PDB file of N, CA and C in Angstrom:
ATOM      1  N   MET A   1       0.843  -1.181   0.000  1.00  0.00           N
ATOM      2  CA  MET A   1       0.000   0.000   0.000  1.00  0.00           C
ATOM      3  C   MET A   1       0.889   1.244   0.000  1.00  0.00           C
ATOM      4  N   SER A   2       0.513   2.202  -0.837  1.00  0.00           N
ATOM      5  CA  SER A   2       1.343   3.393  -0.951  1.00  0.00           C
ATOM      6  C   SER A   2       1.192   4.297   0.269  1.00  0.00           C
ATOM      7  N   TYR A   3       2.230   5.072   0.503  1.00  0.00           N
ATOM      8  CA  TYR A   3       2.233   6.010   1.620  1.00  0.00           C
ATOM      9  C   TYR A   3       1.154   7.062   1.438  1.00  0.00           C
ATOM     10  N   ASP A   4       0.942   7.525   0.180  1.00  0.00           N
ATOM     11  CA  ASP A   4      -0.033   8.570  -0.088  1.00  0.00           C
ATOM     12  C   ASP A   4      -0.356   8.582  -1.580  1.00  0.00           C
ATOM     13  N   ASP A   5      -1.462   9.212  -1.940  1.00  0.00           N
ATOM     14  CA  ASP A   5      -1.805   9.479  -3.334  1.00  0.00           C
ATOM     15  C   ASP A   5      -1.552  10.963  -3.567  1.00  0.00           C
ATOM     16  N   VAL A   6      -0.754  11.280  -4.572  1.00  0.00           N
ATOM     17  CA  VAL A   6      -0.362  12.672  -4.811  1.00  0.00           C
ATOM     18  C   VAL A   6      -0.644  13.046  -6.259  1.00  0.00           C
ATOM     19  N   GLU A   7      -1.295  14.179  -6.463  1.00  0.00           N
ATOM     20  CA  GLU A   7      -1.555  14.694  -7.811  1.00  0.00           C
ATOM     21  C   GLU A   7      -0.234  15.197  -8.412  1.00  0.00           C
ATOM     22  N   ILE A   8      -0.047  14.978  -9.705  1.00  0.00           N
ATOM     23  CA  ILE A   8       1.182  15.417 -10.361  1.00  0.00           C
ATOM     24  C   ILE A   8       1.363  16.931 -10.213  1.00  0.00           C
ATOM     25  N   GLU A   9       0.265  17.671 -10.144  1.00  0.00           N
ATOM     26  CA  GLU A   9       0.335  19.125  -9.992  1.00  0.00           C
ATOM     27  C   GLU A   9       0.938  19.535  -8.644  1.00  0.00           C
ATOM     28  N   ASP A  10       0.883  18.644  -7.660  1.00  0.00           N
ATOM     29  CA  ASP A  10       1.444  18.932  -6.340  1.00  0.00           C
ATOM     30  C   ASP A  10       2.929  18.574  -6.245  1.00  0.00           C
ATOM     31  N   MET A  11       3.446  17.941  -7.301  1.00  0.00           N
ATOM     32  CA  MET A  11       4.861  17.581  -7.329  1.00  0.00           C
ATOM     33  C   MET A  11       5.645  18.699  -8.001  1.00  0.00           C
ATOM     34  N   GLU A  12       6.958  18.732  -7.790  1.00  0.00           N
ATOM     35  CA  GLU A  12       7.816  19.738  -8.401  1.00  0.00           C
ATOM     36  C   GLU A  12       8.755  19.086  -9.403  1.00  0.00           C
ATOM     37  N   TRP A  13       9.002  19.775 -10.532  1.00  0.00           N
ATOM     38  CA  TRP A  13       9.975  19.283 -11.504  1.00  0.00           C
ATOM     39  C   TRP A  13      11.365  19.650 -11.007  1.00  0.00           C
ATOM     40  N   ASN A  14      12.238  18.653 -10.900  1.00  0.00           N
ATOM     41  CA  ASN A  14      13.602  18.868 -10.466  1.00  0.00           C
ATOM     42  C   ASN A  14      14.508  18.685 -11.682  1.00  0.00           C
ATOM     43  N   GLU A  15      15.024  19.793 -12.199  1.00  0.00           N
ATOM     44  CA  GLU A  15      15.838  19.759 -13.415  1.00  0.00           C
ATOM     45  C   GLU A  15      17.117  18.938 -13.216  1.00  0.00           C
ATOM     46  N   GLU A  16      17.719  19.026 -12.040  1.00  0.00           N
ATOM     47  CA  GLU A  16      18.949  18.284 -11.758  1.00  0.00           C
ATOM     48  C   GLU A  16      18.708  16.775 -11.805  1.00  0.00           C
ATOM     49  N   LEU A  17      17.607  16.322 -11.218  1.00  0.00           N
ATOM     50  CA  LEU A  17      17.276  14.895 -11.194  1.00  0.00           C
ATOM     51  C   LEU A  17      16.513  14.456 -12.450  1.00  0.00           C
ATOM     52  N   LYS A  18      16.030  15.432 -13.238  1.00  0.00           N
ATOM     53  CA  LYS A  18      15.182  15.147 -14.403  1.00  0.00           C
ATOM     54  C   LYS A  18      13.985  14.295 -13.989  1.00  0.00           C
ATOM     55  N   SER A  19      13.380  14.671 -12.849  1.00  0.00           N
ATOM     56  CA  SER A  19      12.263  13.922 -12.288  1.00  0.00           C
ATOM     57  C   SER A  19      11.278  14.857 -11.608  1.00  0.00           C
ATOM     58  N   PHE A  20      10.038  14.393 -11.509  1.00  0.00           N
ATOM     59  CA  PHE A  20       9.080  15.053 -10.641  1.00  0.00           C
ATOM     60  C   PHE A  20       9.372  14.546  -9.233  1.00  0.00           C
ATOM     61  N   THR A  21       9.359  15.441  -8.263  1.00  0.00           N
ATOM     62  CA  THR A  21       9.700  15.053  -6.895  1.00  0.00           C
ATOM     63  C   THR A  21       8.632  15.514  -5.916  1.00  0.00           C
ATOM     64  N   TYR A  22       8.628  14.849  -4.766  1.00  0.00           N
ATOM     65  CA  TYR A  22       7.704  15.171  -3.680  1.00  0.00           C
ATOM     66  C   TYR A  22       8.404  14.796  -2.373  1.00  0.00           C
ATOM     67  N   PRO A  23       8.301  15.644  -1.346  1.00  0.00           N
ATOM     68  CA  PRO A  23       9.024  15.356  -0.098  1.00  0.00           C
ATOM     69  C   PRO A  23       8.591  14.038   0.557  1.00  0.00           C
ATOM     70  N   CYS A  24       9.577  13.271   0.990  1.00  0.00           N
ATOM     71  CA  CYS A  24       9.346  12.027   1.728  1.00  0.00           C
ATOM     72  C   CYS A  24       9.536  12.318   3.216  1.00  0.00           C
ATOM     73  N   PRO A  25       8.791  11.656   4.087  1.00  0.00           N
ATOM     74  CA  PRO A  25       8.964  11.870   5.524  1.00  0.00           C
ATOM     75  C   PRO A  25      10.373  11.573   6.034  1.00  0.00           C
ATOM     76  N   CYS A  26      11.141  10.762   5.302  1.00  0.00           N
ATOM     77  CA  CYS A  26      12.501  10.426   5.744  1.00  0.00           C
ATOM     78  C   CYS A  26      13.474  11.583   5.505  1.00  0.00           C
ATOM     79  N   GLY A  27      13.045  12.595   4.741  1.00  0.00           N
ATOM     80  CA  GLY A  27      13.908  13.728   4.447  1.00  0.00           C
ATOM     81  C   GLY A  27      14.408  13.758   3.018  1.00  0.00           C
ATOM     82  N   ASP A  28      14.261  12.672   2.290  1.00  0.00           N
ATOM     83  CA  ASP A  28      14.665  12.618   0.885  1.00  0.00           C
ATOM     84  C   ASP A  28      13.455  12.993   0.021  1.00  0.00           C
ATOM     85  N   LEU A  29      13.476  12.614  -1.249  1.00  0.00           N
ATOM     86  CA  LEU A  29      12.397  12.950  -2.169  1.00  0.00           C
ATOM     87  C   LEU A  29      11.891  11.721  -2.907  1.00  0.00           C
ATOM     88  N   PHE A  30      10.561  11.594  -3.013  1.00  0.00           N
ATOM     89  CA  PHE A  30       9.992  10.620  -3.935  1.00  0.00           C
ATOM     90  C   PHE A  30      10.316  11.135  -5.335  1.00  0.00           C
ATOM     91  N   GLN A  31      10.586  10.209  -6.291  1.00  0.00           N
ATOM     92  CA  GLN A  31      10.974  10.621  -7.634  1.00  0.00           C
ATOM     93  C   GLN A  31      10.288   9.763  -8.684  1.00  0.00           C
ATOM     94  N   ILE A  32       9.886  10.431  -9.797  1.00  0.00           N
ATOM     95  CA  ILE A  32       9.375   9.719 -10.966  1.00  0.00           C
ATOM     96  C   ILE A  32       9.727  10.548 -12.194  1.00  0.00           C
ATOM     97  N   THR A  33      10.220   9.889 -13.250  1.00  0.00           N
ATOM     98  CA  THR A  33      10.660  10.594 -14.457  1.00  0.00           C
ATOM     99  C   THR A  33       9.514  10.732 -15.457  1.00  0.00           C
ATOM    100  N   LYS A  34       9.694  11.633 -16.425  1.00  0.00           N
ATOM    101  CA  LYS A  34       8.707  11.788 -17.493  1.00  0.00           C
ATOM    102  C   LYS A  34       8.601  10.492 -18.295  1.00  0.00           C
ATOM    103  N   GLU A  35       9.733   9.827 -18.500  1.00  0.00           N
ATOM    104  CA  GLU A  35       9.746   8.581 -19.262  1.00  0.00           C
ATOM    105  C   GLU A  35       8.910   7.511 -18.562  1.00  0.00           C
ATOM    106  N   GLU A  36       9.014   7.450 -17.240  1.00  0.00           N
ATOM    107  CA  GLU A  36       8.212   6.485 -16.490  1.00  0.00           C
ATOM    108  C   GLU A  36       6.727   6.808 -16.607  1.00  0.00           C
ATOM    109  N   LEU A  37       6.394   8.088 -16.552  1.00  0.00           N
ATOM    110  CA  LEU A  37       4.993   8.491 -16.693  1.00  0.00           C
ATOM    111  C   LEU A  37       4.478   8.162 -18.091  1.00  0.00           C
ATOM    112  N   GLN A  38       5.313   8.319 -19.113  1.00  0.00           N
ATOM    113  CA  GLN A  38       4.908   8.038 -20.489  1.00  0.00           C
ATOM    114  C   GLN A  38       4.566   6.574 -20.714  1.00  0.00           C
ATOM    115  N   ILE A  39       5.205   5.676 -19.966  1.00  0.00           N
ATOM    116  CA  ILE A  39       4.915   4.245 -20.145  1.00  0.00           C
ATOM    117  C   ILE A  39       3.856   3.746 -19.171  1.00  0.00           C
ATOM    118  N   GLY A  40       3.254   4.679 -18.415  1.00  0.00           N
ATOM    119  CA  GLY A  40       2.150   4.300 -17.546  1.00  0.00           C
ATOM    120  C   GLY A  40       2.502   4.049 -16.093  1.00  0.00           C
ATOM    121  N   GLU A  41       3.753   4.259 -15.729  1.00  0.00           N
ATOM    122  CA  GLU A  41       4.151   4.078 -14.325  1.00  0.00           C
ATOM    123  C   GLU A  41       3.432   5.113 -13.477  1.00  0.00           C
ATOM    124  N   GLU A  42       2.972   4.705 -12.315  1.00  0.00           N
ATOM    125  CA  GLU A  42       2.308   5.658 -11.425  1.00  0.00           C
ATOM    126  C   GLU A  42       2.838   5.595  -9.997  1.00  0.00           C
ATOM    127  N   ILE A  43       3.975   4.933  -9.829  1.00  0.00           N
ATOM    128  CA  ILE A  43       4.591   4.824  -8.508  1.00  0.00           C
ATOM    129  C   ILE A  43       5.876   5.645  -8.472  1.00  0.00           C
ATOM    130  N   ALA A  44       5.938   6.610  -7.539  1.00  0.00           N
ATOM    131  CA  ALA A  44       7.166   7.377  -7.310  1.00  0.00           C
ATOM    132  C   ALA A  44       7.808   6.811  -6.056  1.00  0.00           C
ATOM    133  N   ARG A  45       9.058   6.454  -6.163  1.00  0.00           N
ATOM    134  CA  ARG A  45       9.770   5.810  -5.056  1.00  0.00           C
ATOM    135  C   ARG A  45      10.773   6.749  -4.415  1.00  0.00           C
ATOM    136  N   CYS A  46      11.020   6.516  -3.136  1.00  0.00           N
ATOM    137  CA  CYS A  46      12.063   7.238  -2.420  1.00  0.00           C
ATOM    138  C   CYS A  46      13.331   6.391  -2.484  1.00  0.00           C
ATOM    139  N   PRO A  47      14.453   6.979  -2.922  1.00  0.00           N
ATOM    140  CA  PRO A  47      15.688   6.205  -3.011  1.00  0.00           C
ATOM    141  C   PRO A  47      16.331   5.896  -1.655  1.00  0.00           C
ATOM    142  N   SER A  48      15.849   6.539  -0.576  1.00  0.00           N
ATOM    143  CA  SER A  48      16.489   6.370   0.731  1.00  0.00           C
ATOM    144  C   SER A  48      15.735   5.475   1.701  1.00  0.00           C
ATOM    145  N   CYS A  49      14.484   5.174   1.381  1.00  0.00           N
ATOM    146  CA  CYS A  49      13.711   4.317   2.288  1.00  0.00           C
ATOM    147  C   CYS A  49      12.760   3.445   1.464  1.00  0.00           C
ATOM    148  N   SER A  50      11.900   2.705   2.109  1.00  0.00           N
ATOM    149  CA  SER A  50      11.028   1.777   1.395  1.00  0.00           C
ATOM    150  C   SER A  50       9.673   2.383   1.035  1.00  0.00           C
ATOM    151  N   LEU A  51       9.458   3.650   1.338  1.00  0.00           N
ATOM    152  CA  LEU A  51       8.165   4.268   1.043  1.00  0.00           C
ATOM    153  C   LEU A  51       8.018   4.594  -0.441  1.00  0.00           C
ATOM    154  N   TYR A  52       6.771   4.618  -0.900  1.00  0.00           N
ATOM    155  CA  TYR A  52       6.458   5.052  -2.253  1.00  0.00           C
ATOM    156  C   TYR A  52       5.081   5.695  -2.249  1.00  0.00           C
ATOM    157  N   ILE A  53       4.816   6.511  -3.276  1.00  0.00           N
ATOM    158  CA  ILE A  53       3.519   7.162  -3.403  1.00  0.00           C
ATOM    159  C   ILE A  53       2.909   6.809  -4.755  1.00  0.00           C
ATOM    160  N   SER A  54       1.596   6.896  -4.826  1.00  0.00           N
ATOM    161  CA  SER A  54       0.893   6.740  -6.095  1.00  0.00           C
ATOM    162  C   SER A  54       0.695   8.130  -6.687  1.00  0.00           C
ATOM    163  N   VAL A  55       1.105   8.291  -7.939  1.00  0.00           N
ATOM    164  CA  VAL A  55       1.000   9.587  -8.608  1.00  0.00           C
ATOM    165  C   VAL A  55      -0.274   9.585  -9.454  1.00  0.00           C
ATOM    166  N   ILE A  56      -1.088  10.601  -9.246  1.00  0.00           N
ATOM    167  CA  ILE A  56      -2.332  10.737 -10.001  1.00  0.00           C
ATOM    168  C   ILE A  56      -2.074  11.739 -11.122  1.00  0.00           C
ATOM    169  N   TYR A  57      -2.231  11.288 -12.365  1.00  0.00           N
ATOM    170  CA  TYR A  57      -1.974  12.154 -13.510  1.00  0.00           C
ATOM    171  C   TYR A  57      -2.742  11.666 -14.719  1.00  0.00           C
ATOM    172  N   ASN A  58      -2.856  12.534 -15.717  1.00  0.00           N
ATOM    173  CA  ASN A  58      -3.494  12.193 -16.978  1.00  0.00           C
ATOM    174  C   ASN A  58      -2.405  11.731 -17.935  1.00  0.00           C
ATOM    175  N   MET A  59      -2.397  10.461 -18.261  1.00  0.00           N
ATOM    176  CA  MET A  59      -1.333   9.897 -19.088  1.00  0.00           C
ATOM    177  C   MET A  59      -1.237  10.602 -20.445  1.00  0.00           C
ATOM    178  N   GLU A  60      -2.345  11.092 -20.956  1.00  0.00           N
ATOM    179  CA  GLU A  60      -2.347  11.780 -22.249  1.00  0.00           C
ATOM    180  C   GLU A  60      -1.441  13.014 -22.233  1.00  0.00           C
ATOM    181  N   ASP A  61      -1.220  13.595 -21.057  1.00  0.00           N
ATOM    182  CA  ASP A  61      -0.350  14.764 -20.942  1.00  0.00           C
ATOM    183  C   ASP A  61       1.115  14.415 -21.160  1.00  0.00           C
ATOM    184  N   PHE A  62       1.459  13.124 -21.106  1.00  0.00           N
ATOM    185  CA  PHE A  62       2.858  12.714 -21.199  1.00  0.00           C
ATOM    186  C   PHE A  62       3.158  11.830 -22.409  1.00  0.00           C
ATOM    187  N   ILE A  63       2.148  11.538 -23.210  1.00  0.00           N
ATOM    188  CA  ILE A  63       2.355  10.709 -24.399  1.00  0.00           C
ATOM    189  C   ILE A  63       2.701  11.600 -25.581  1.00  0.00           C
ATOM    190  N   GLY A  64       3.628  11.154 -26.420  1.00  0.00           N
ATOM    191  CA  GLY A  64       3.990  11.887 -27.625  1.00  0.00           C
ATOM    192  C   GLY A  64       4.608  13.228 -27.327  1.00  0.00           C
ATOM    193  N   GLY A  65       5.777  13.237 -26.746  1.00  0.00           N
ATOM    194  CA  GLY A  65       6.494  14.408 -26.282  1.00  0.00           C
ATOM    195  C   GLY A  65       6.249  15.725 -27.003  1.00  0.00           C
ATOM    196  N   ASP A  66       5.888  15.713 -28.299  1.00  0.00           N
ATOM    197  CA  ASP A  66       5.675  16.946 -29.043  1.00  0.00           C
ATOM    198  C   ASP A  66       4.194  17.280 -29.175  1.00  0.00           C
ATOM    199  N   SER A  67       3.347  16.702 -28.341  1.00  0.00           N
ATOM    200  CA  SER A  67       1.909  16.913 -28.477  1.00  0.00           C
ATOM    201  C   SER A  67       1.491  18.343 -28.175  1.00  0.00           C
ATOM    202  N   ASN A  68       2.346  19.121 -27.539  1.00  0.00           N
ATOM    203  CA  ASN A  68       1.993  20.503 -27.238  1.00  0.00           C
ATOM    204  C   ASN A  68       2.233  21.429 -28.428  1.00  0.00           C
ATOM    205  N   LYS A  69       2.901  20.938 -29.468  1.00  0.00           N
ATOM    206  CA  LYS A  69       3.154  21.758 -30.641  1.00  0.00           C
ATOM    207  C   LYS A  69       1.877  21.847 -31.473  1.00  0.00           C
ATOM    208  N   LYS A  70       1.617  23.039 -31.998  1.00  0.00           N
ATOM    209  CA  LYS A  70       0.436  23.243 -32.827  1.00  0.00           C
ATOM    210  C   LYS A  70       0.682  22.651 -34.204  1.00  0.00           C
ATOM    211  N   THR A  71      -0.347  22.022 -34.746  1.00  0.00           N
ATOM    212  CA  THR A  71      -0.240  21.504 -36.090  1.00  0.00           C
ATOM    213  C   THR A  71      -0.800  22.538 -37.049  1.00  0.00           C
ATOM    214  N   VAL A  72      -0.166  22.651 -38.195  1.00  0.00           N
ATOM    215  CA  VAL A  72      -0.605  23.601 -39.206  1.00  0.00           C
ATOM    216  C   VAL A  72      -1.200  22.813 -40.348  1.00  0.00           C
ATOM    217  N   GLN A  73      -2.440  23.131 -40.680  1.00  0.00           N
ATOM    218  CA  GLN A  73      -3.085  22.445 -41.782  1.00  0.00           C
ATOM    219  C   GLN A  73      -2.686  23.112 -43.094  1.00  0.00           C
ATOM    220  N   GLN A  74      -2.338  22.296 -44.060  1.00  0.00           N
ATOM    221  CA  GLN A  74      -1.954  22.796 -45.375  1.00  0.00           C
ATOM    222  C   GLN A  74      -3.194  22.832 -46.276  1.00  0.00           C
ATOM    223  N   PRO A  75      -3.323  23.884 -47.078  1.00  0.00           N
ATOM    224  CA  PRO A  75      -4.467  23.923 -48.007  1.00  0.00           C
ATOM    225  C   PRO A  75      -4.332  22.832 -49.060  1.00  0.00           C
ATOM    226  N   VAL A  76      -5.461  22.302 -49.472  1.00  0.00           N
ATOM    227  CA  VAL A  76      -5.494  21.242 -50.468  1.00  0.00           C
ATOM    228  C   VAL A  76      -6.275  21.760 -51.671  1.00  0.00           C
ATOM    229  N   ALA A  77      -5.680  21.625 -52.850  1.00  0.00           N
ATOM    230  CA  ALA A  77      -6.353  22.057 -54.068  1.00  0.00           C
ATOM    231  C   ALA A  77      -7.417  21.038 -54.450  1.00  0.00           C
ATOM    232  N   VAL A  78      -8.599  21.530 -54.752  1.00  0.00           N
ATOM    233  CA  VAL A  78      -9.688  20.646 -55.146  1.00  0.00           C
ATOM    234  C   VAL A  78     -10.044  20.954 -56.601  1.00  0.00           C
ATOM    235  N   ALA A  79     -10.089  19.910 -57.446  1.00  0.00           N
ATOM    236  CA  ALA A  79     -10.351  20.134 -58.877  1.00  0.00           C
ATOM    237  C   ALA A  79     -11.814  20.232 -59.161  1.00  0.00           C
TER     238      ALA A  79
END
């Protein structure tokens, strides 16, 4: 059973670790990477103790890394 359920919005992006992090009661940080989120992982683990949390997020926000780019429709000539 996880220590807690945490919304991804409540986690912080840590550029140094390249992970979303959340404070662990042991003093370290729970960590989960974007790559883990993209493959459906929802468990963020603490590297210093045995605790882990369940991360609540919308998987669609992490699939297809370039999904935030706008697509431009090209005109099509019709005869």
